[in-house]
Amino acid sequence: AVIFDATFSAFLFCFFGLHLNFAMTNQTSIETGRRYFKYKLSIRHNLESVFGKDHRLWICPLYGNGPHGDGVHWLTRSGIWEGDENEIGMKELEGIQKAIKGSNGMEVV
């Protein structure tokens, strides 16, 4: 039983580490072999895009305030939003950019 428990614990530890790395680099298992990650921002912003803006709710499976953006358009490493600007209104896009600029001081183009 001890050997099984140790093996299972090691497996879960590796599984948790792999998925924590995915969250910190803002990637999925499909993107594992790539060298360039276009959604990789800072570790804090990557975790916020996965778990939401409220750090207190990260440990709980609650929606809270949600991530930046609308869930369809995501900020890329180059500082632009991926997605069709015609789908998202320009006023909405400007509002999202102002909200992000206000929360982290970074300029979003």
N, C-alpha and C. Protein backbone atom coordinates (compact mmCIF):
# COMPACT_ATOMS: atom_id res chain seq x y z
N ALA A 1 0.82 -1.19 0.00
CA ALA A 1 0.00 0.00 0.00
C ALA A 1 0.87 1.25 0.00
N VAL A 2 2.00 1.21 0.70
CA VAL A 2 2.88 2.37 0.78
C VAL A 2 3.50 2.65 -0.60
N ILE A 3 3.87 1.61 -1.31
CA ILE A 3 4.46 1.79 -2.64
C ILE A 3 3.43 2.38 -3.60
N PHE A 4 2.19 1.89 -3.53
CA PHE A 4 1.13 2.42 -4.37
C PHE A 4 0.87 3.90 -4.05
N ASP A 5 0.81 4.22 -2.75
CA ASP A 5 0.57 5.60 -2.35
C ASP A 5 1.70 6.52 -2.81
N ALA A 6 2.92 6.08 -2.67
CA ALA A 6 4.06 6.89 -3.09
C ALA A 6 4.07 7.10 -4.61
N THR A 7 3.76 6.04 -5.35
CA THR A 7 3.72 6.15 -6.81
C THR A 7 2.59 7.09 -7.25
N PHE A 8 1.44 6.93 -6.65
CA PHE A 8 0.30 7.78 -6.98
C PHE A 8 0.57 9.24 -6.62
N SER A 9 1.19 9.48 -5.48
CA SER A 9 1.53 10.84 -5.06
C SER A 9 2.54 11.46 -6.01
N ALA A 10 3.54 10.70 -6.44
CA ALA A 10 4.52 11.21 -7.39
C ALA A 10 3.86 11.55 -8.72
N PHE A 11 2.95 10.71 -9.17
CA PHE A 11 2.22 10.97 -10.41
C PHE A 11 1.40 12.26 -10.29
N LEU A 12 0.66 12.43 -9.20
CA LEU A 12 -0.15 13.63 -9.01
C LEU A 12 0.72 14.88 -8.90
N PHE A 13 1.87 14.78 -8.25
CA PHE A 13 2.79 15.91 -8.13
C PHE A 13 3.28 16.34 -9.52
N CYS A 14 3.66 15.38 -10.36
CA CYS A 14 4.11 15.70 -11.73
C CYS A 14 2.96 16.27 -12.55
N PHE A 15 1.77 15.71 -12.41
CA PHE A 15 0.60 16.19 -13.13
C PHE A 15 0.27 17.62 -12.73
N PHE A 16 0.32 17.92 -11.44
CA PHE A 16 0.07 19.27 -10.94
C PHE A 16 1.12 20.24 -11.46
N GLY A 17 2.39 19.83 -11.43
CA GLY A 17 3.47 20.69 -11.93
C GLY A 17 3.32 21.00 -13.41
N LEU A 18 2.95 20.02 -14.20
CA LEU A 18 2.75 20.22 -15.62
C LEU A 18 1.64 21.23 -15.88
N HIS A 19 0.52 21.09 -15.20
CA HIS A 19 -0.61 21.99 -15.43
C HIS A 19 -0.37 23.37 -14.82
N LEU A 20 0.39 23.47 -13.76
CA LEU A 20 0.77 24.78 -13.24
C LEU A 20 1.67 25.50 -14.25
N ASN A 21 2.57 24.76 -14.89
CA ASN A 21 3.40 25.33 -15.94
C ASN A 21 2.55 25.80 -17.11
N PHE A 22 1.55 25.02 -17.50
CA PHE A 22 0.63 25.44 -18.57
C PHE A 22 -0.05 26.75 -18.20
N ALA A 23 -0.52 26.89 -16.97
CA ALA A 23 -1.20 28.10 -16.54
C ALA A 23 -0.24 29.29 -16.49
N MET A 24 0.98 29.08 -16.03
CA MET A 24 1.94 30.18 -15.92
C MET A 24 2.45 30.65 -17.27
N THR A 25 2.44 29.79 -18.28
CA THR A 25 2.91 30.18 -19.61
C THR A 25 1.76 30.41 -20.57
N ASN A 26 0.52 30.27 -20.08
CA ASN A 26 -0.68 30.53 -20.89
C ASN A 26 -0.69 29.67 -22.16
N GLN A 27 -0.50 28.39 -21.99
CA GLN A 27 -0.53 27.48 -23.14
C GLN A 27 -1.39 26.27 -22.82
N THR A 28 -1.65 25.48 -23.84
CA THR A 28 -2.41 24.25 -23.67
C THR A 28 -1.51 23.07 -24.00
N SER A 29 -2.01 21.87 -23.81
CA SER A 29 -1.21 20.69 -24.12
C SER A 29 -0.97 20.57 -25.62
N ILE A 30 -1.82 21.16 -26.44
CA ILE A 30 -1.63 21.14 -27.90
C ILE A 30 -0.40 21.96 -28.30
N GLU A 31 -0.12 23.03 -27.55
CA GLU A 31 0.99 23.93 -27.88
C GLU A 31 2.31 23.54 -27.24
N THR A 32 2.41 22.37 -26.67
CA THR A 32 3.58 21.97 -25.88
C THR A 32 4.89 22.04 -26.65
N GLY A 33 4.95 21.65 -27.90
CA GLY A 33 6.21 21.60 -28.63
C GLY A 33 6.65 22.91 -29.25
N ARG A 34 5.85 23.95 -29.15
CA ARG A 34 6.18 25.21 -29.80
C ARG A 34 7.22 25.99 -29.02
N ARG A 35 8.00 26.80 -29.76
CA ARG A 35 9.01 27.63 -29.11
C ARG A 35 8.50 29.04 -28.84
N TYR A 36 7.51 29.49 -29.59
CA TYR A 36 6.97 30.84 -29.41
C TYR A 36 5.53 30.73 -28.93
N PHE A 37 5.26 31.37 -27.82
CA PHE A 37 3.91 31.37 -27.26
C PHE A 37 3.35 32.78 -27.38
N LYS A 38 2.35 32.96 -28.24
CA LYS A 38 1.87 34.32 -28.47
C LYS A 38 0.99 34.84 -27.35
N TYR A 39 0.53 33.99 -26.45
CA TYR A 39 -0.29 34.45 -25.34
C TYR A 39 0.50 34.55 -24.04
N LYS A 40 1.79 34.29 -24.07
CA LYS A 40 2.60 34.32 -22.85
C LYS A 40 2.92 35.76 -22.50
N LEU A 41 2.32 36.25 -21.43
CA LEU A 41 2.57 37.60 -20.93
C LEU A 41 3.45 37.47 -19.70
N SER A 42 3.14 38.12 -18.62
CA SER A 42 3.87 37.89 -17.38
C SER A 42 3.19 36.74 -16.63
N ILE A 43 3.87 36.17 -15.67
CA ILE A 43 3.29 35.05 -14.92
C ILE A 43 1.99 35.49 -14.25
N ARG A 44 1.98 36.69 -13.65
CA ARG A 44 0.78 37.18 -12.97
C ARG A 44 -0.39 37.32 -13.95
N HIS A 45 -0.15 37.91 -15.10
CA HIS A 45 -1.22 38.09 -16.07
C HIS A 45 -1.68 36.76 -16.67
N ASN A 46 -0.76 35.83 -16.84
CA ASN A 46 -1.15 34.51 -17.33
C ASN A 46 -2.04 33.80 -16.32
N LEU A 47 -1.68 33.86 -15.05
CA LEU A 47 -2.51 33.22 -14.02
C LEU A 47 -3.86 33.91 -13.91
N GLU A 48 -3.90 35.24 -14.07
CA GLU A 48 -5.17 35.96 -14.04
C GLU A 48 -6.05 35.57 -15.23
N SER A 49 -5.46 35.31 -16.37
CA SER A 49 -6.27 34.92 -17.52
C SER A 49 -6.84 33.52 -17.37
N VAL A 50 -6.22 32.69 -16.54
CA VAL A 50 -6.72 31.34 -16.31
C VAL A 50 -7.69 31.30 -15.11
N PHE A 51 -7.28 31.91 -13.99
CA PHE A 51 -8.04 31.78 -12.74
C PHE A 51 -8.93 32.98 -12.43
N GLY A 52 -8.79 34.09 -13.14
CA GLY A 52 -9.58 35.29 -12.87
C GLY A 52 -8.75 36.35 -12.17
N LYS A 53 -9.33 37.55 -12.06
CA LYS A 53 -8.59 38.69 -11.52
C LYS A 53 -8.51 38.70 -9.99
N ASP A 54 -9.45 38.08 -9.32
CA ASP A 54 -9.47 38.08 -7.86
C ASP A 54 -8.60 36.95 -7.33
N HIS A 55 -7.44 37.30 -6.79
CA HIS A 55 -6.47 36.30 -6.33
C HIS A 55 -7.00 35.46 -5.18
N ARG A 56 -7.92 36.02 -4.40
CA ARG A 56 -8.46 35.26 -3.26
C ARG A 56 -9.30 34.07 -3.70
N LEU A 57 -9.84 34.11 -4.92
CA LEU A 57 -10.70 33.04 -5.40
C LEU A 57 -9.95 31.98 -6.20
N TRP A 58 -8.65 32.12 -6.33
CA TRP A 58 -7.88 31.16 -7.13
C TRP A 58 -7.96 29.75 -6.57
N ILE A 59 -8.03 29.61 -5.27
CA ILE A 59 -8.05 28.28 -4.65
C ILE A 59 -9.45 27.66 -4.72
N CYS A 60 -10.48 28.48 -4.93
CA CYS A 60 -11.86 28.00 -4.99
C CYS A 60 -12.33 27.91 -6.44
N PRO A 61 -13.14 26.96 -6.75
CA PRO A 61 -13.66 26.85 -8.13
C PRO A 61 -14.85 27.77 -8.37
N LEU A 62 -14.65 29.09 -8.18
CA LEU A 62 -15.70 30.07 -8.38
C LEU A 62 -15.32 30.99 -9.53
N TYR A 63 -16.32 31.53 -10.23
CA TYR A 63 -16.05 32.40 -11.37
C TYR A 63 -15.51 33.75 -10.94
N GLY A 64 -16.07 34.36 -9.93
CA GLY A 64 -15.61 35.67 -9.46
C GLY A 64 -15.80 36.73 -10.53
N ASN A 65 -14.78 37.54 -10.76
CA ASN A 65 -14.85 38.59 -11.77
C ASN A 65 -14.45 38.10 -13.15
N GLY A 66 -13.89 36.95 -13.24
CA GLY A 66 -13.47 36.41 -14.52
C GLY A 66 -12.16 37.03 -15.00
N PRO A 67 -11.67 36.58 -16.12
CA PRO A 67 -10.42 37.11 -16.67
C PRO A 67 -10.64 38.43 -17.39
N HIS A 68 -9.55 39.07 -17.81
CA HIS A 68 -9.65 40.26 -18.64
C HIS A 68 -10.23 39.86 -19.99
N GLY A 69 -11.01 40.73 -20.57
CA GLY A 69 -11.56 40.44 -21.88
C GLY A 69 -12.92 39.80 -21.79
N ASP A 70 -13.35 39.28 -22.92
CA ASP A 70 -14.69 38.72 -23.02
C ASP A 70 -14.71 37.20 -23.14
N GLY A 71 -13.58 36.56 -23.04
CA GLY A 71 -13.52 35.11 -23.15
C GLY A 71 -13.35 34.60 -24.56
N VAL A 72 -13.43 35.48 -25.54
CA VAL A 72 -13.26 35.10 -26.94
C VAL A 72 -12.01 35.76 -27.51
N HIS A 73 -11.78 37.01 -27.13
CA HIS A 73 -10.63 37.77 -27.60
C HIS A 73 -9.60 37.84 -26.46
N TRP A 74 -8.34 37.51 -26.77
CA TRP A 74 -7.31 37.43 -25.76
C TRP A 74 -6.13 38.32 -26.14
N LEU A 75 -5.54 38.94 -25.13
CA LEU A 75 -4.37 39.78 -25.33
C LEU A 75 -3.18 38.92 -25.72
N THR A 76 -2.46 39.31 -26.76
CA THR A 76 -1.30 38.55 -27.21
C THR A 76 -0.02 39.20 -26.71
N ARG A 77 1.08 38.51 -26.90
CA ARG A 77 2.38 38.98 -26.46
C ARG A 77 2.78 40.29 -27.13
N SER A 78 2.32 40.49 -28.37
CA SER A 78 2.66 41.71 -29.11
C SER A 78 1.83 42.90 -28.65
N GLY A 79 0.90 42.71 -27.73
CA GLY A 79 0.12 43.80 -27.18
C GLY A 79 -1.18 44.08 -27.90
N ILE A 80 -1.57 43.22 -28.83
CA ILE A 80 -2.84 43.40 -29.52
C ILE A 80 -3.80 42.29 -29.11
N TRP A 81 -5.08 42.54 -29.33
CA TRP A 81 -6.09 41.55 -29.02
C TRP A 81 -6.29 40.66 -30.22
N GLU A 82 -6.26 39.36 -30.03
CA GLU A 82 -6.52 38.46 -31.14
C GLU A 82 -8.01 38.29 -31.29
N GLY A 83 -8.46 38.38 -32.50
CA GLY A 83 -9.87 38.27 -32.81
C GLY A 83 -10.25 39.36 -33.79
N ASP A 84 -11.42 39.27 -34.29
CA ASP A 84 -11.91 40.24 -35.26
C ASP A 84 -12.42 41.47 -34.53
N GLU A 85 -11.81 42.65 -34.81
CA GLU A 85 -12.25 43.87 -34.15
C GLU A 85 -13.68 44.23 -34.52
N ASN A 86 -14.18 43.72 -35.65
CA ASN A 86 -15.55 44.01 -36.04
C ASN A 86 -16.54 43.27 -35.15
N GLU A 87 -16.14 42.13 -34.60
CA GLU A 87 -17.02 41.39 -33.71
C GLU A 87 -17.18 42.09 -32.38
N ILE A 88 -16.11 42.68 -31.91
CA ILE A 88 -16.13 43.39 -30.64
C ILE A 88 -16.15 44.87 -30.98
N GLY A 89 -17.08 45.62 -30.44
CA GLY A 89 -17.18 47.03 -30.76
C GLY A 89 -15.93 47.79 -30.33
N MET A 90 -15.59 48.83 -31.05
CA MET A 90 -14.39 49.60 -30.75
C MET A 90 -14.49 50.23 -29.36
N LYS A 91 -15.69 50.67 -28.93
CA LYS A 91 -15.83 51.24 -27.59
C LYS A 91 -15.57 50.17 -26.53
N GLU A 92 -16.08 48.96 -26.77
CA GLU A 92 -15.84 47.87 -25.84
C GLU A 92 -14.35 47.54 -25.78
N LEU A 93 -13.69 47.51 -26.94
CA LEU A 93 -12.26 47.22 -27.00
C LEU A 93 -11.46 48.28 -26.26
N GLU A 94 -11.82 49.55 -26.45
CA GLU A 94 -11.14 50.62 -25.74
C GLU A 94 -11.36 50.52 -24.24
N GLY A 95 -12.58 50.16 -23.83
CA GLY A 95 -12.87 49.98 -22.41
C GLY A 95 -12.06 48.86 -21.79
N ILE A 96 -11.91 47.76 -22.51
CA ILE A 96 -11.10 46.64 -22.02
C ILE A 96 -9.64 47.07 -21.90
N GLN A 97 -9.15 47.80 -22.92
CA GLN A 97 -7.76 48.25 -22.89
C GLN A 97 -7.52 49.20 -21.73
N LYS A 98 -8.45 50.11 -21.46
CA LYS A 98 -8.31 51.04 -20.34
C LYS A 98 -8.31 50.28 -19.01
N ALA A 99 -9.18 49.28 -18.90
CA ALA A 99 -9.25 48.49 -17.67
C ALA A 99 -7.95 47.77 -17.41
N ILE A 100 -7.35 47.21 -18.47
CA ILE A 100 -6.09 46.50 -18.29
C ILE A 100 -4.97 47.49 -18.00
N LYS A 101 -4.93 48.60 -18.70
CA LYS A 101 -3.89 49.59 -18.46
C LYS A 101 -3.98 50.10 -17.03
N GLY A 102 -5.20 50.30 -16.54
CA GLY A 102 -5.37 50.77 -15.18
C GLY A 102 -4.96 49.74 -14.15
N SER A 103 -5.13 48.46 -14.46
CA SER A 103 -4.82 47.42 -13.47
C SER A 103 -3.35 47.05 -13.41
N ASN A 104 -2.62 47.25 -14.51
CA ASN A 104 -1.23 46.82 -14.47
C ASN A 104 -0.24 47.86 -14.97
N GLY A 105 -0.72 49.03 -15.44
CA GLY A 105 0.16 50.08 -15.88
C GLY A 105 0.81 49.85 -17.22
N MET A 106 0.52 48.73 -17.88
CA MET A 106 1.09 48.44 -19.20
C MET A 106 0.26 49.12 -20.27
N GLU A 107 0.92 49.57 -21.31
CA GLU A 107 0.22 50.15 -22.46
C GLU A 107 -0.24 49.03 -23.36
N VAL A 108 -1.50 49.04 -23.73
CA VAL A 108 -2.06 48.04 -24.64
C VAL A 108 -2.41 48.74 -25.93
N VAL A 109 -1.88 48.26 -27.04
CA VAL A 109 -2.13 48.88 -28.33
C VAL A 109 -3.28 48.20 -29.01
